[in-house]
Amino acid sequence: MVGFVFLAGILWIWAITSRFPELNPQTVLVNDEGIDRGLQEMHMAFDEINGAYPQEIPTGILIENLTMTNQSVKISGYLWQKYPQGYPDEHINFPQLTDQIGGLVNEEVYRYTQNGQQTVGWFFSTEIQQRFDNRLYPLDQAIIKIQIEPSKLTSGYVLVPAVLDYD
């Protein structure tokens, strides 16, 4: 009987936490409409200062291996970027992972040109700092954030998600 009461309590907590997950207050871009809306806001900000629009570089990531520790995530996988044909090679570098705390290993593994775009892909492995909320353990949800920035913030380009590459 006691076991049944505990099981019923666990199932009730699971139902509540799975039905009402915590809201993520950050903007997540997962489709072309959201990306276009974000780019329009950026263009309006550049229009206000009469600045030139930065070059948009579609960027994608495929996580192949992920290991969670207490407050970090060890990840490895592939990251790719699509540059316009003729883009200067000195600006083609592996981007920065902003919350990186472990040594970064990256190696260019492919480069090809198709449909007027040069695609460059890297294999990478690193450790990224995360802030997990474990108060609801074992029924918690871990949201892993991987923030990617251009390798040089003054290089005149902005990274945009390559959502069409995930079809």
Foldseek 3Di string as FASTA:
>chain_A
DVVVVVVVVVVVLLVVCVVDPDDDPDDDDQDPVSLVVVLVVVVVVCVVVVHDAFAEKAKEWDWDDWDDDDFKIKTKGKMKIKAFPPDDPVQDDAWDFVQFDFDKDKDWDDWDDDPRIIMTMIIMITMGGHDDDCPSPPSHDDDDDTDTARNDNPPRYGYDHPNVVVD
